[in-house]
Amino acid sequence: MGIFAKLNGAALALGMIATAAHATELKLADFQPPTHFVVDNVYTPFAEAVSAATGGDVTVKVFMGGELGPGPAEQYNRVVDGVADIAFSLPGYTASNFPMTLLTELPGVIDAETGTSRILANIDMLSDEYRRVVLVGLWNNAPNLLLMAEKPVHSMDDLAGLNIRVPSRNAGLIVQAWGANPVSMPAPEIYNAMQTGVLDGAMIDATALGAFKLGEVTTYVTQGMDTTISDFFMIMNRDVFNDLDETAQAAILEAGQAASLNGNAAWLGVAGGALDGFGATEGKEVITLSDEEAARFNAASAEAVTQILAEAEAAGMPAQAFVDALKAD
């Protein structure tokens, strides 16, 4: 072998070592099952975009099903503590950290189709709530419905005294205004709770009929009222983010914005198909409230929303200004 070949070979080897040393693999944690549609619709495009923009220097490895640690409510702390570099979760699971963010879920504040764009347009108003992490993505799901195990809900009277799972404190106040008992519970626990009778039903979007197999333990779905619309976020460890160069940081934030829009579109599309499939299944029924009953639900929700906004303003938050900004054209 000639001297130039040896030198070139040595240089190539050193280059490979340097590249390997420089490469960063980010761990993305999600408590949802590995079969969840979020993998193909959100995480794969996100990871591909980050890798492409950084020339492969930064990659993303996804850990589903709580592989980096159990407990959906622990996702935020998991990122803060550096157990995961990036995590998916619901702000409602750690509601005390995200009171402004959770105003977006109130009935009438956003609609499912344009909500994510409105949130992203006003994201600067939420910056203080994400000071311990980097907000990578934030999007809304499809409207939350009432998934009932055995008892059909045609009116508010039908909900009286029933135990209904809720995704957050604000959603709980809405359900309470409807006359039911709100029960805070992460989505993966709903199936067993409905199957065993601990819950009479759950407030959650229609994607859960398939994603969490709730269609198996749900007999009736009620829709037609103004209801809550939950948020999802992707957050990142601030130190890990700051250790990346500017190109990688920009790639993550740009890919995160696309992930937000992809997530919203995926949830809406899957929810529509899941609800149609459920309604076409023998022994299952989708109930749409009459106009009169929907008005009763909506009036009760409106009173709860007024209370929530008043409490937020009293606590020093610019709640009304944020809500007004979200509703602006």
Protein backbone atom coordinates (compact mmCIF):
# COMPACT_ATOMS: atom_id res chain seq x y z
CA MET A 1 0.00 0.00 0.00
CA GLY A 2 1.42 3.43 -0.99
CA ILE A 3 2.08 6.20 1.49
CA PHE A 4 -0.78 8.33 0.14
CA ALA A 5 -3.21 5.45 0.45
CA LYS A 6 -2.11 4.89 4.03
CA LEU A 7 -2.45 8.57 4.85
CA ASN A 8 -5.84 8.80 3.20
CA GLY A 9 -7.00 5.73 5.05
CA ALA A 10 -5.80 7.13 8.35
CA ALA A 11 -7.49 10.46 7.64
CA LEU A 12 -10.73 8.69 6.78
CA ALA A 13 -10.61 6.69 10.00
CA LEU A 14 -9.95 9.81 12.03
CA GLY A 15 -12.81 11.56 10.26
CA MET A 16 -15.18 8.73 11.09
CA ILE A 17 -14.12 8.81 14.72
CA ALA A 18 -14.61 12.58 14.86
CA THR A 19 -18.04 12.31 13.24
CA ALA A 20 -19.10 9.58 15.65
CA ALA A 21 -17.90 11.62 18.59
CA HIS A 22 -19.72 14.71 17.35
CA ALA A 23 -23.00 12.92 16.62
CA THR A 24 -25.75 13.35 19.19
CA GLU A 25 -28.67 10.97 19.68
CA LEU A 26 -31.67 12.52 21.41
CA LYS A 27 -33.97 10.27 23.44
CA LEU A 28 -37.67 11.03 22.90
CA ALA A 29 -40.03 9.55 25.51
CA ASP A 30 -43.74 8.83 25.09
CA PHE A 31 -46.06 6.90 27.42
CA GLN A 32 -48.42 5.88 24.62
CA PRO A 33 -48.30 2.38 23.09
CA PRO A 34 -45.72 1.65 20.34
CA THR A 35 -48.57 1.14 17.86
CA HIS A 36 -49.89 4.69 18.36
CA PHE A 37 -50.30 6.71 15.17
CA VAL A 38 -48.13 9.49 16.61
CA VAL A 39 -45.02 7.49 15.66
CA ASP A 40 -45.56 7.55 11.90
CA ASN A 41 -47.36 10.88 11.70
CA VAL A 42 -45.29 13.01 14.07
CA TYR A 43 -42.09 11.42 15.36
CA THR A 44 -40.77 9.90 12.13
CA PRO A 45 -41.07 13.15 10.12
CA PHE A 46 -39.64 15.07 13.10
CA ALA A 47 -36.61 12.79 13.39
CA GLU A 48 -36.03 12.77 9.63
CA ALA A 49 -36.16 16.57 9.46
CA VAL A 50 -33.70 17.00 12.33
CA SER A 51 -31.28 14.47 10.87
CA ALA A 52 -31.47 15.98 7.38
CA ALA A 53 -30.96 19.55 8.60
CA THR A 54 -27.91 18.58 10.68
CA GLY A 55 -26.33 16.22 8.17
CA GLY A 56 -26.91 13.32 10.53
CA ASP A 57 -25.07 15.00 13.39
CA VAL A 58 -28.25 14.97 15.49
CA THR A 59 -30.62 12.02 15.45
CA VAL A 60 -33.73 11.15 17.44
CA LYS A 61 -34.53 7.76 18.95
CA VAL A 62 -38.10 7.21 20.11
CA PHE A 63 -38.96 5.26 23.27
CA MET A 64 -42.67 4.42 23.40
CA GLY A 65 -44.83 2.78 26.05
CA GLY A 66 -43.10 4.44 28.99
CA GLU A 67 -39.84 2.67 28.19
CA LEU A 68 -37.83 5.46 29.83
CA GLY A 69 -40.00 5.34 32.92
CA PRO A 70 -43.65 4.74 33.81
CA GLY A 71 -46.21 7.39 34.56
CA PRO A 72 -47.56 9.91 32.02
CA ALA A 73 -47.66 12.62 34.68
CA GLU A 74 -43.89 12.23 35.19
CA GLN A 75 -42.98 13.16 31.62
CA TYR A 76 -42.35 16.83 32.43
CA ASN A 77 -40.04 16.03 35.35
CA ARG A 78 -38.36 13.35 33.26
CA VAL A 79 -37.23 16.04 30.83
CA VAL A 80 -36.31 18.54 33.54
CA ASP A 81 -34.17 15.88 35.25
CA GLY A 82 -32.54 14.77 31.98
CA VAL A 83 -33.86 11.19 31.99
CA ALA A 84 -35.31 11.97 28.55
CA ASP A 85 -34.02 14.63 26.17
CA ILE A 86 -37.47 15.19 24.65
CA ALA A 87 -40.87 14.02 25.87
CA PHE A 88 -44.49 14.04 24.78
CA SER A 89 -47.21 14.69 27.31
CA LEU A 90 -50.30 16.72 28.19
CA PRO A 91 -49.93 20.01 30.05
CA GLY A 92 -53.03 18.95 31.98
CA TYR A 93 -51.10 16.17 33.72
CA THR A 94 -48.99 18.80 35.52
CA ALA A 95 -51.61 21.53 35.45
CA SER A 96 -50.05 23.75 38.10
CA ASN A 97 -47.10 24.40 35.78
CA PHE A 98 -49.21 25.43 32.79
CA PRO A 99 -52.25 27.48 33.84
CA MET A 100 -52.06 29.78 30.80
CA THR A 101 -51.56 26.94 28.33
CA LEU A 102 -54.59 25.14 29.74
CA LEU A 103 -56.85 28.09 28.99
CA THR A 104 -56.73 26.90 25.38
CA GLU A 105 -58.71 23.79 26.30
CA LEU A 106 -61.76 25.65 27.59
CA PRO A 107 -64.97 25.32 25.56
CA GLY A 108 -65.26 28.05 22.95
CA VAL A 109 -61.67 29.35 23.19
CA ILE A 110 -60.32 27.56 20.10
CA ASP A 111 -61.76 25.22 17.53
CA ALA A 112 -60.17 21.94 16.61
CA GLU A 113 -59.28 22.86 13.02
CA THR A 114 -57.56 26.21 13.56
CA GLY A 115 -56.59 25.98 17.22
CA THR A 116 -53.00 24.89 16.70
CA SER A 117 -52.29 27.74 14.29
CA ARG A 118 -53.79 30.23 16.75
CA ILE A 119 -51.74 28.82 19.62
CA LEU A 120 -48.51 28.96 17.60
CA ALA A 121 -49.28 32.53 16.53
CA ASN A 122 -49.48 33.54 20.20
CA ILE A 123 -46.85 31.20 21.61
CA ASP A 124 -44.79 34.07 23.06
CA MET A 125 -47.52 34.68 25.63
CA LEU A 126 -46.74 31.25 27.09
CA SER A 127 -42.95 31.59 27.30
CA ASP A 128 -42.83 31.98 31.09
CA GLU A 129 -44.50 28.60 31.62
CA TYR A 130 -41.74 26.79 29.69
CA ARG A 131 -38.73 28.53 31.24
CA ARG A 132 -37.40 25.26 32.74
CA VAL A 133 -37.56 23.43 29.41
CA VAL A 134 -37.56 24.20 25.70
CA LEU A 135 -40.99 24.06 24.09
CA VAL A 136 -40.50 22.08 20.88
CA GLY A 137 -44.12 21.51 19.83
CA LEU A 138 -47.64 22.28 21.04
CA TRP A 139 -50.92 21.29 19.39
CA ASN A 140 -54.56 20.61 20.15
CA ASN A 141 -56.41 17.36 19.66
CA ALA A 142 -59.89 16.65 18.40
CA PRO A 143 -62.77 17.72 20.66
CA ASN A 144 -63.16 15.62 23.78
CA LEU A 145 -66.34 13.54 23.81
CA LEU A 146 -68.10 11.49 26.45
CA LEU A 147 -67.21 7.80 26.10
CA MET A 148 -69.63 5.84 28.28
CA ALA A 149 -69.23 2.24 29.39
CA GLU A 150 -72.87 1.25 29.88
CA LYS A 151 -75.02 4.33 30.49
CA PRO A 152 -76.15 6.41 27.51
CA VAL A 153 -76.05 10.20 27.91
CA HIS A 154 -78.84 12.02 26.09
CA SER A 155 -79.09 14.89 28.57
CA MET A 156 -77.29 16.53 31.48
CA ASP A 157 -79.66 14.71 33.80
CA ASP A 158 -78.18 11.40 32.61
CA LEU A 159 -74.76 12.47 33.91
CA ALA A 160 -75.88 13.22 37.46
CA GLY A 161 -73.58 11.55 39.98
CA LEU A 162 -71.60 9.53 37.42
CA ASN A 163 -67.82 9.16 37.65
CA ILE A 164 -66.22 10.62 34.54
CA ARG A 165 -62.51 10.66 33.81
CA VAL A 166 -61.08 14.08 32.95
CA PRO A 167 -57.67 15.02 31.50
CA SER A 168 -57.13 18.18 33.58
CA ARG A 169 -58.44 20.40 36.35
CA ASN A 170 -60.23 22.72 33.92
CA ALA A 171 -61.91 19.80 32.21
CA GLY A 172 -62.94 18.59 35.64
CA LEU A 173 -64.65 21.90 36.38
CA ILE A 174 -66.58 21.59 33.11
CA VAL A 175 -67.68 18.03 33.88
CA GLN A 176 -68.63 19.09 37.39
CA ALA A 177 -70.75 21.88 35.93
CA TRP A 178 -72.54 19.21 33.91
CA GLY A 179 -73.44 17.38 37.14
CA ALA A 180 -70.94 14.50 37.08
CA ASN A 181 -68.05 13.63 39.39
CA PRO A 182 -64.71 14.37 37.68
CA VAL A 183 -61.93 11.81 38.17
CA SER A 184 -58.40 12.79 37.15
CA MET A 185 -56.69 9.88 35.39
CA PRO A 186 -54.03 9.40 32.67
CA ALA A 187 -55.30 7.92 29.42
CA PRO A 188 -53.55 4.52 29.74
CA GLU A 189 -55.49 3.79 32.94
CA ILE A 190 -58.96 4.46 31.53
CA TYR A 191 -59.53 1.04 29.95
CA ASN A 192 -59.23 -0.91 33.17
CA ALA A 193 -61.17 1.68 35.17
CA MET A 194 -64.11 1.56 32.75
CA GLN A 195 -63.96 -2.22 32.47
CA THR A 196 -64.11 -2.65 36.25
CA GLY A 197 -66.75 0.00 36.87
CA VAL A 198 -64.48 2.45 38.66
CA LEU A 199 -65.43 4.91 35.91
CA ASP A 200 -68.82 5.27 34.26
CA GLY A 201 -67.19 7.03 31.36
CA ALA A 202 -64.38 9.24 30.16
CA MET A 203 -63.95 12.67 28.63
CA ILE A 204 -61.41 12.10 25.85
CA ASP A 205 -61.14 12.50 22.10
CA ALA A 206 -62.27 9.81 19.66
CA THR A 207 -58.75 8.68 18.74
CA ALA A 208 -58.69 6.87 22.10
CA LEU A 209 -61.31 4.45 20.81
CA GLY A 210 -58.52 2.81 18.83
CA ALA A 211 -55.25 4.14 20.22
CA PHE A 212 -56.07 3.02 23.76
CA LYS A 213 -58.64 0.40 22.68
CA LEU A 214 -61.41 2.17 24.54
CA GLY A 215 -63.86 1.13 21.86
CA GLU A 216 -63.79 -2.30 23.52
CA VAL A 217 -65.15 -0.94 26.83
CA THR A 218 -67.32 1.86 25.42
CA THR A 219 -70.93 1.32 24.41
CA TYR A 220 -72.06 4.92 23.87
CA VAL A 221 -70.34 8.10 22.71
CA THR A 222 -72.06 11.44 23.23
CA GLN A 223 -71.25 14.53 21.16
CA GLY A 224 -72.89 17.79 20.14
CA MET A 225 -72.03 20.11 23.05
CA ASP A 226 -69.28 22.69 23.37
CA THR A 227 -66.54 20.71 25.02
CA THR A 228 -62.89 20.84 26.01
CA ILE A 229 -60.05 20.41 23.53
CA SER A 230 -56.90 19.04 25.12
CA ASP A 231 -53.36 20.10 24.31
CA PHE A 232 -50.27 17.98 23.75
CA PHE A 233 -46.70 19.17 23.90
CA MET A 234 -43.18 18.09 23.07
CA ILE A 235 -40.66 19.56 25.49
CA MET A 236 -36.87 19.31 25.61
CA ASN A 237 -34.23 19.46 28.32
CA ARG A 238 -32.87 23.01 28.27
CA ASP A 239 -29.24 22.05 28.96
CA VAL A 240 -29.21 19.47 26.18
CA PHE A 241 -30.71 22.00 23.78
CA ASN A 242 -28.21 24.70 24.77
CA ASP A 243 -25.30 22.30 24.22
CA LEU A 244 -26.25 21.94 20.55
CA ASP A 245 -24.97 24.31 17.91
CA GLU A 246 -27.20 26.94 16.34
CA THR A 247 -27.90 24.81 13.27
CA ALA A 248 -29.18 21.92 15.38
CA GLN A 249 -31.22 24.20 17.61
CA ALA A 250 -32.89 25.81 14.62
CA ALA A 251 -33.53 22.38 13.08
CA ILE A 252 -35.27 21.13 16.23
CA LEU A 253 -37.48 24.19 16.57
CA GLU A 254 -38.42 24.18 12.88
CA ALA A 255 -39.14 20.45 12.95
CA GLY A 256 -41.12 20.99 16.14
CA GLN A 257 -43.38 23.53 14.50
CA ALA A 258 -44.04 21.08 11.67
CA ALA A 259 -44.66 18.36 14.27
CA SER A 260 -47.30 20.56 15.88
CA LEU A 261 -49.20 20.93 12.62
CA ASN A 262 -48.72 17.25 11.77
CA GLY A 263 -49.95 16.25 15.22
CA ASN A 264 -53.08 18.33 14.96
CA ALA A 265 -53.87 16.97 11.49
CA ALA A 266 -53.24 13.39 12.59
CA TRP A 267 -55.45 13.61 15.66
CA LEU A 268 -58.31 15.16 13.72
CA GLY A 269 -58.09 12.62 10.91
CA VAL A 270 -57.81 9.58 13.15
CA ALA A 271 -60.59 10.85 15.44
CA GLY A 272 -63.03 11.21 12.55
CA GLY A 273 -62.33 7.73 11.24
CA ALA A 274 -62.47 6.16 14.70
CA LEU A 275 -65.84 7.72 15.48
CA ASP A 276 -67.29 6.61 12.16
CA GLY A 277 -66.02 3.10 12.72
CA PHE A 278 -67.40 2.99 16.24
CA GLY A 279 -70.85 4.15 15.11
CA ALA A 280 -70.92 1.48 12.40
CA THR A 281 -70.17 -1.31 14.90
CA GLU A 282 -73.05 -3.50 16.04
CA GLY A 283 -74.04 -2.80 19.64
CA LYS A 284 -72.35 0.63 19.67
CA GLU A 285 -74.06 4.01 19.39
CA VAL A 286 -72.97 7.59 18.75
CA ILE A 287 -75.43 9.97 20.41
CA THR A 288 -75.72 13.54 19.14
CA LEU A 289 -77.44 15.80 21.64
CA SER A 290 -80.60 17.62 20.67
CA ASP A 291 -80.27 21.37 20.23
CA GLU A 292 -82.13 21.92 23.50
CA GLU A 293 -79.87 19.61 25.49
CA ALA A 294 -76.71 20.92 23.83
CA ALA A 295 -77.76 24.43 24.91
CA ARG A 296 -78.07 23.23 28.52
CA PHE A 297 -74.55 21.75 28.42
CA ASN A 298 -73.18 24.89 26.80
CA ALA A 299 -74.77 27.23 29.32
CA ALA A 300 -73.27 25.24 32.18
CA SER A 301 -69.86 25.23 30.45
CA ALA A 302 -70.00 28.99 29.90
CA GLU A 303 -70.53 29.62 33.62
CA ALA A 304 -67.52 27.42 34.45
CA VAL A 305 -65.35 29.18 31.86
CA THR A 306 -66.25 32.57 33.33
CA GLN A 307 -65.25 31.29 36.77
CA ILE A 308 -61.94 29.86 35.53
CA LEU A 309 -60.97 33.07 33.73
CA ALA A 310 -61.89 35.19 36.75
CA GLU A 311 -59.73 33.01 39.02
CA ALA A 312 -56.83 33.22 36.58
CA GLU A 313 -57.06 37.02 36.40
CA ALA A 314 -57.22 37.20 40.19
CA ALA A 315 -54.01 35.15 40.32
CA GLY A 316 -52.26 37.76 38.18
CA MET A 317 -52.43 36.03 34.80
CA PRO A 318 -53.40 37.95 31.63
CA ALA A 319 -55.99 35.26 31.00
CA GLN A 320 -58.58 37.32 29.18
CA ALA A 321 -55.97 38.94 26.94
CA PHE A 322 -54.66 35.50 25.98
CA VAL A 323 -58.12 34.15 25.26
CA ASP A 324 -58.95 37.24 23.21
CA ALA A 325 -55.74 36.79 21.22
CA LEU A 326 -56.58 33.16 20.49
CA LYS A 327 -60.04 34.15 19.25
CA ALA A 328 -58.79 37.04 17.09
CA ASP A 329 -58.93 36.66 13.31
